[in-house]
Amino acid sequence: MIVNYDEIGYSFIAKVLDENSRRLSRTRGGASDTTVSIEKRPLLLHGEELRLRSAENERVAQQFVFRSRWLPTPRNGKDVLSVLWQIEAITNGGLLPTSSRLRTWRATRGSAENPILLVDPEQLPAAIDRFSDVIQNRWGELQSDPVPLASWAECNRSHPGMILSGS
């Protein structure tokens, strides 16, 4: 199904994104989860303050993305990365205990019985560059059918959500 975002407008999209985040995000529930590593520091806020701030940050980030959808195609991966860093700064604004954008600990996803090792901290800058290059190369898909690219990005080991210090 192809969605005409201009026709349905931002408010519908915002409702869907907000509902998804409220149901799936521990941060949106007010919890700063550090169980992934003893090296991960807790967020600056917790409880109701964290819930409210993260919701506001997400709302502003979603508006930024929606307004940015008609920007010219990025010329290269560095241009994509510039946009991604802007989204990261908005999303994590006032939440992170450090100015470091990248995680410094080893991380896995999946079950304890079958963990999948994510990108090592030392390899994160190169992984982000590769991720951004792929996004730039596939940018045209966003106008026709963004689902395959979004799915690839979400499941990719070097997805920004898997590498950022607040993740």
C-alpha atoms as a PDB file:
ATOM      1  CA  MET A   1       0.000   0.000   0.000  1.00  0.00           C
ATOM      2  CA  ILE A   2       1.357   3.391  -0.979  1.00  0.00           C
ATOM      3  CA  VAL A   3       0.481   6.222   1.404  1.00  0.00           C
ATOM      4  CA  ASN A   4       0.096   9.796   0.219  1.00  0.00           C
ATOM      5  CA  TYR A   5       1.541  11.593   3.244  1.00  0.00           C
ATOM      6  CA  ASP A   6       0.513  15.007   1.940  1.00  0.00           C
ATOM      7  CA  GLU A   7      -3.071  13.857   1.616  1.00  0.00           C
ATOM      8  CA  ILE A   8      -3.386  12.260   5.048  1.00  0.00           C
ATOM      9  CA  GLY A   9      -1.353  14.964   6.789  1.00  0.00           C
ATOM     10  CA  TYR A  10       0.955  15.025   9.745  1.00  0.00           C
ATOM     11  CA  SER A  11      -1.670  14.611  12.494  1.00  0.00           C
ATOM     12  CA  PHE A  12      -2.649  11.093  11.365  1.00  0.00           C
ATOM     13  CA  ILE A  13       0.983  10.001  11.061  1.00  0.00           C
ATOM     14  CA  ALA A  14       1.777  11.537  14.455  1.00  0.00           C
ATOM     15  CA  LYS A  15      -1.002   9.525  16.108  1.00  0.00           C
ATOM     16  CA  VAL A  16       0.321   6.268  14.659  1.00  0.00           C
ATOM     17  CA  LEU A  17       3.934   7.025  15.603  1.00  0.00           C
ATOM     18  CA  ASP A  18       2.964   8.140  19.099  1.00  0.00           C
ATOM     19  CA  GLU A  19       0.866   5.044  19.740  1.00  0.00           C
ATOM     20  CA  ASN A  20       3.678   2.793  18.524  1.00  0.00           C
ATOM     21  CA  SER A  21       6.215   4.527  20.744  1.00  0.00           C
ATOM     22  CA  ARG A  22       3.975   4.514  23.818  1.00  0.00           C
ATOM     23  CA  ARG A  23       3.446   0.774  23.466  1.00  0.00           C
ATOM     24  CA  LEU A  24       7.022  -0.260  22.621  1.00  0.00           C
ATOM     25  CA  SER A  25       9.420   2.217  24.227  1.00  0.00           C
ATOM     26  CA  ARG A  26      10.599   1.764  27.804  1.00  0.00           C
ATOM     27  CA  THR A  27      11.860   5.344  27.714  1.00  0.00           C
ATOM     28  CA  ARG A  28       8.393   6.626  26.774  1.00  0.00           C
ATOM     29  CA  GLY A  29       7.135   4.680  29.773  1.00  0.00           C
ATOM     30  CA  GLY A  30       9.510   6.642  32.010  1.00  0.00           C
ATOM     31  CA  ALA A  31      12.184   3.952  32.456  1.00  0.00           C
ATOM     32  CA  SER A  32      15.888   4.419  31.827  1.00  0.00           C
ATOM     33  CA  ASP A  33      17.029   0.876  31.088  1.00  0.00           C
ATOM     34  CA  THR A  34      20.742   0.255  31.689  1.00  0.00           C
ATOM     35  CA  THR A  35      20.610  -3.542  31.852  1.00  0.00           C
ATOM     36  CA  VAL A  36      22.379  -3.908  28.491  1.00  0.00           C
ATOM     37  CA  SER A  37      25.731  -3.026  30.071  1.00  0.00           C
ATOM     38  CA  ILE A  38      27.200  -1.859  33.367  1.00  0.00           C
ATOM     39  CA  GLU A  39      28.932   0.817  31.280  1.00  0.00           C
ATOM     40  CA  LYS A  40      25.653   2.357  30.125  1.00  0.00           C
ATOM     41  CA  ARG A  41      24.785   5.358  32.260  1.00  0.00           C
ATOM     42  CA  PRO A  42      21.168   6.123  33.124  1.00  0.00           C
ATOM     43  CA  LEU A  43      19.376   8.951  31.389  1.00  0.00           C
ATOM     44  CA  LEU A  44      19.196  12.322  33.148  1.00  0.00           C
ATOM     45  CA  LEU A  45      15.459  12.089  33.760  1.00  0.00           C
ATOM     46  CA  HIS A  46      13.243   9.303  35.052  1.00  0.00           C
ATOM     47  CA  GLY A  47       9.599   8.569  35.704  1.00  0.00           C
ATOM     48  CA  GLU A  48       7.048  11.161  34.636  1.00  0.00           C
ATOM     49  CA  GLU A  49       9.710  13.724  33.680  1.00  0.00           C
ATOM     50  CA  LEU A  50      11.342  11.225  31.312  1.00  0.00           C
ATOM     51  CA  ARG A  51       7.991  10.165  29.878  1.00  0.00           C
ATOM     52  CA  LEU A  52       6.987  13.758  29.122  1.00  0.00           C
ATOM     53  CA  ARG A  53      10.364  14.896  27.776  1.00  0.00           C
ATOM     54  CA  SER A  54      10.826  11.864  25.527  1.00  0.00           C
ATOM     55  CA  ALA A  55       7.295  12.294  24.153  1.00  0.00           C
ATOM     56  CA  GLU A  56       7.971  15.960  23.364  1.00  0.00           C
ATOM     57  CA  ASN A  57      11.360  15.170  21.810  1.00  0.00           C
ATOM     58  CA  GLU A  58       9.786  12.516  19.608  1.00  0.00           C
ATOM     59  CA  ARG A  59       6.991  14.877  18.555  1.00  0.00           C
ATOM     60  CA  VAL A  60       9.517  17.532  17.495  1.00  0.00           C
ATOM     61  CA  ALA A  61      11.679  14.929  15.703  1.00  0.00           C
ATOM     62  CA  GLN A  62       8.640  13.578  13.843  1.00  0.00           C
ATOM     63  CA  GLN A  63       7.686  17.087  12.729  1.00  0.00           C
ATOM     64  CA  PHE A  64      11.266  17.662  11.545  1.00  0.00           C
ATOM     65  CA  VAL A  65      11.203  14.455   9.498  1.00  0.00           C
ATOM     66  CA  PHE A  66       7.767  15.222   8.053  1.00  0.00           C
ATOM     67  CA  ARG A  67       8.834  18.747   7.028  1.00  0.00           C
ATOM     68  CA  SER A  68      12.104  17.405   5.602  1.00  0.00           C
ATOM     69  CA  ARG A  69      10.534  14.824   3.306  1.00  0.00           C
ATOM     70  CA  TRP A  70      10.730  17.118   0.274  1.00  0.00           C
ATOM     71  CA  LEU A  71      14.345  18.129   0.715  1.00  0.00           C
ATOM     72  CA  PRO A  72      16.572  17.421  -2.287  1.00  0.00           C
ATOM     73  CA  THR A  73      18.148  13.980  -2.450  1.00  0.00           C
ATOM     74  CA  PRO A  74      21.321  13.983  -0.370  1.00  0.00           C
ATOM     75  CA  ARG A  75      24.436  14.069  -2.543  1.00  0.00           C
ATOM     76  CA  ASN A  76      26.283  11.493  -0.439  1.00  0.00           C
ATOM     77  CA  GLY A  77      26.270   9.532   2.796  1.00  0.00           C
ATOM     78  CA  LYS A  78      27.683  12.492   4.723  1.00  0.00           C
ATOM     79  CA  ASP A  79      24.610  14.549   3.788  1.00  0.00           C
ATOM     80  CA  VAL A  80      22.392  11.710   5.039  1.00  0.00           C
ATOM     81  CA  LEU A  81      24.426  11.524   8.225  1.00  0.00           C
ATOM     82  CA  SER A  82      23.931  15.253   8.764  1.00  0.00           C
ATOM     83  CA  VAL A  83      20.151  14.733   8.750  1.00  0.00           C
ATOM     84  CA  LEU A  84      20.425  11.662  10.993  1.00  0.00           C
ATOM     85  CA  TRP A  85      22.524  13.596  13.534  1.00  0.00           C
ATOM     86  CA  GLN A  86      19.876  16.332  13.577  1.00  0.00           C
ATOM     87  CA  ILE A  87      17.188  13.752  14.314  1.00  0.00           C
ATOM     88  CA  GLU A  88      19.406  12.214  17.013  1.00  0.00           C
ATOM     89  CA  ALA A  89      19.998  15.609  18.655  1.00  0.00           C
ATOM     90  CA  ILE A  90      16.283  16.377  18.750  1.00  0.00           C
ATOM     91  CA  THR A  91      15.300  12.907  19.985  1.00  0.00           C
ATOM     92  CA  ASN A  92      17.919  12.776  22.746  1.00  0.00           C
ATOM     93  CA  GLY A  93      17.789  16.466  23.716  1.00  0.00           C
ATOM     94  CA  GLY A  94      18.088  16.875  27.485  1.00  0.00           C
ATOM     95  CA  LEU A  95      18.178  13.135  28.121  1.00  0.00           C
ATOM     96  CA  LEU A  96      21.746  11.895  27.758  1.00  0.00           C
ATOM     97  CA  PRO A  97      24.231  12.032  30.636  1.00  0.00           C
ATOM     98  CA  THR A  98      27.121  12.627  28.248  1.00  0.00           C
ATOM     99  CA  SER A  99      27.784  14.534  25.049  1.00  0.00           C
ATOM    100  CA  SER A 100      29.076  11.360  23.401  1.00  0.00           C
ATOM    101  CA  ARG A 101      26.693  10.318  20.658  1.00  0.00           C
ATOM    102  CA  LEU A 102      27.990   6.778  20.272  1.00  0.00           C
ATOM    103  CA  ARG A 103      27.787   3.956  22.743  1.00  0.00           C
ATOM    104  CA  THR A 104      31.050   2.795  24.283  1.00  0.00           C
ATOM    105  CA  TRP A 105      29.962  -0.688  25.357  1.00  0.00           C
ATOM    106  CA  ARG A 106      29.567  -3.981  23.549  1.00  0.00           C
ATOM    107  CA  ALA A 107      25.933  -4.699  22.834  1.00  0.00           C
ATOM    108  CA  THR A 108      23.776  -7.582  21.692  1.00  0.00           C
ATOM    109  CA  ARG A 109      20.178  -8.047  20.748  1.00  0.00           C
ATOM    110  CA  GLY A 110      18.056 -11.138  20.624  1.00  0.00           C
ATOM    111  CA  SER A 111      17.610 -13.633  23.410  1.00  0.00           C
ATOM    112  CA  ALA A 112      20.126 -14.543  26.104  1.00  0.00           C
ATOM    113  CA  GLU A 113      20.296 -18.024  24.586  1.00  0.00           C
ATOM    114  CA  ASN A 114      20.898 -16.686  21.075  1.00  0.00           C
ATOM    115  CA  PRO A 115      22.484 -13.220  21.321  1.00  0.00           C
ATOM    116  CA  ILE A 116      23.412 -11.298  18.184  1.00  0.00           C
ATOM    117  CA  LEU A 117      26.515  -9.189  18.629  1.00  0.00           C
ATOM    118  CA  LEU A 118      26.064  -5.672  17.350  1.00  0.00           C
ATOM    119  CA  VAL A 119      28.808  -3.481  15.949  1.00  0.00           C
ATOM    120  CA  ASP A 120      31.759  -3.097  18.334  1.00  0.00           C
ATOM    121  CA  PRO A 121      32.193   0.444  19.686  1.00  0.00           C
ATOM    122  CA  GLU A 122      35.508   0.941  17.851  1.00  0.00           C
ATOM    123  CA  GLN A 123      33.839   0.137  14.530  1.00  0.00           C
ATOM    124  CA  LEU A 124      30.826   2.411  14.986  1.00  0.00           C
ATOM    125  CA  PRO A 125      32.049   5.432  12.980  1.00  0.00           C
ATOM    126  CA  ALA A 126      32.747   3.278   9.905  1.00  0.00           C
ATOM    127  CA  ALA A 127      29.448   1.396  10.360  1.00  0.00           C
ATOM    128  CA  ILE A 128      27.530   4.669  10.503  1.00  0.00           C
ATOM    129  CA  ASP A 129      29.243   5.838   7.317  1.00  0.00           C
ATOM    130  CA  ARG A 130      28.285   2.594   5.526  1.00  0.00           C
ATOM    131  CA  PHE A 131      24.704   2.833   6.832  1.00  0.00           C
ATOM    132  CA  SER A 132      24.419   6.431   5.581  1.00  0.00           C
ATOM    133  CA  ASP A 133      25.840   5.504   2.184  1.00  0.00           C
ATOM    134  CA  VAL A 134      23.204   2.789   1.725  1.00  0.00           C
ATOM    135  CA  ILE A 135      20.416   5.171   2.754  1.00  0.00           C
ATOM    136  CA  GLN A 136      21.676   7.725   0.226  1.00  0.00           C
ATOM    137  CA  ASN A 137      21.882   5.099  -2.542  1.00  0.00           C
ATOM    138  CA  ARG A 138      18.309   3.967  -1.831  1.00  0.00           C
ATOM    139  CA  TRP A 139      16.884   7.458  -1.176  1.00  0.00           C
ATOM    140  CA  GLY A 140      14.632   7.319  -4.255  1.00  0.00           C
ATOM    141  CA  GLU A 141      12.636   4.500  -2.661  1.00  0.00           C
ATOM    142  CA  LEU A 142      11.281   6.957  -0.111  1.00  0.00           C
ATOM    143  CA  GLN A 143       9.102   8.589  -2.765  1.00  0.00           C
ATOM    144  CA  SER A 144       7.737   5.366  -4.249  1.00  0.00           C
ATOM    145  CA  ASP A 145       7.566   2.822  -1.419  1.00  0.00           C
ATOM    146  CA  PRO A 146       9.523   3.561   1.771  1.00  0.00           C
ATOM    147  CA  VAL A 147       8.672   0.277   3.496  1.00  0.00           C
ATOM    148  CA  PRO A 148      11.534  -1.894   2.128  1.00  0.00           C
ATOM    149  CA  LEU A 149      14.158   0.711   3.020  1.00  0.00           C
ATOM    150  CA  ALA A 150      12.629   1.339   6.431  1.00  0.00           C
ATOM    151  CA  SER A 151      12.534  -2.387   7.097  1.00  0.00           C
ATOM    152  CA  TRP A 152      16.167  -2.799   6.035  1.00  0.00           C
ATOM    153  CA  ALA A 153      17.225   0.138   8.210  1.00  0.00           C
ATOM    154  CA  GLU A 154      15.356  -1.121  11.265  1.00  0.00           C
ATOM    155  CA  CYS A 155      16.779  -4.636  11.042  1.00  0.00           C
ATOM    156  CA  ASN A 156      20.320  -3.634  10.114  1.00  0.00           C
ATOM    157  CA  ARG A 157      23.035  -4.357  12.715  1.00  0.00           C
ATOM    158  CA  SER A 158      24.367  -0.828  12.308  1.00  0.00           C
ATOM    159  CA  HIS A 159      20.966   0.860  12.682  1.00  0.00           C
ATOM    160  CA  PRO A 160      21.508   4.138  14.561  1.00  0.00           C
ATOM    161  CA  GLY A 161      19.208   2.950  17.325  1.00  0.00           C
ATOM    162  CA  MET A 162      21.629   0.106  17.954  1.00  0.00           C
ATOM    163  CA  ILE A 163      24.698   2.292  18.169  1.00  0.00           C
ATOM    164  CA  LEU A 164      23.783   5.538  19.890  1.00  0.00           C
ATOM    165  CA  SER A 165      24.681   6.151  23.521  1.00  0.00           C
ATOM    166  CA  GLY A 166      21.049   6.590  24.559  1.00  0.00           C
ATOM    167  CA  SER A 167      19.901   3.355  22.937  1.00  0.00           C
END
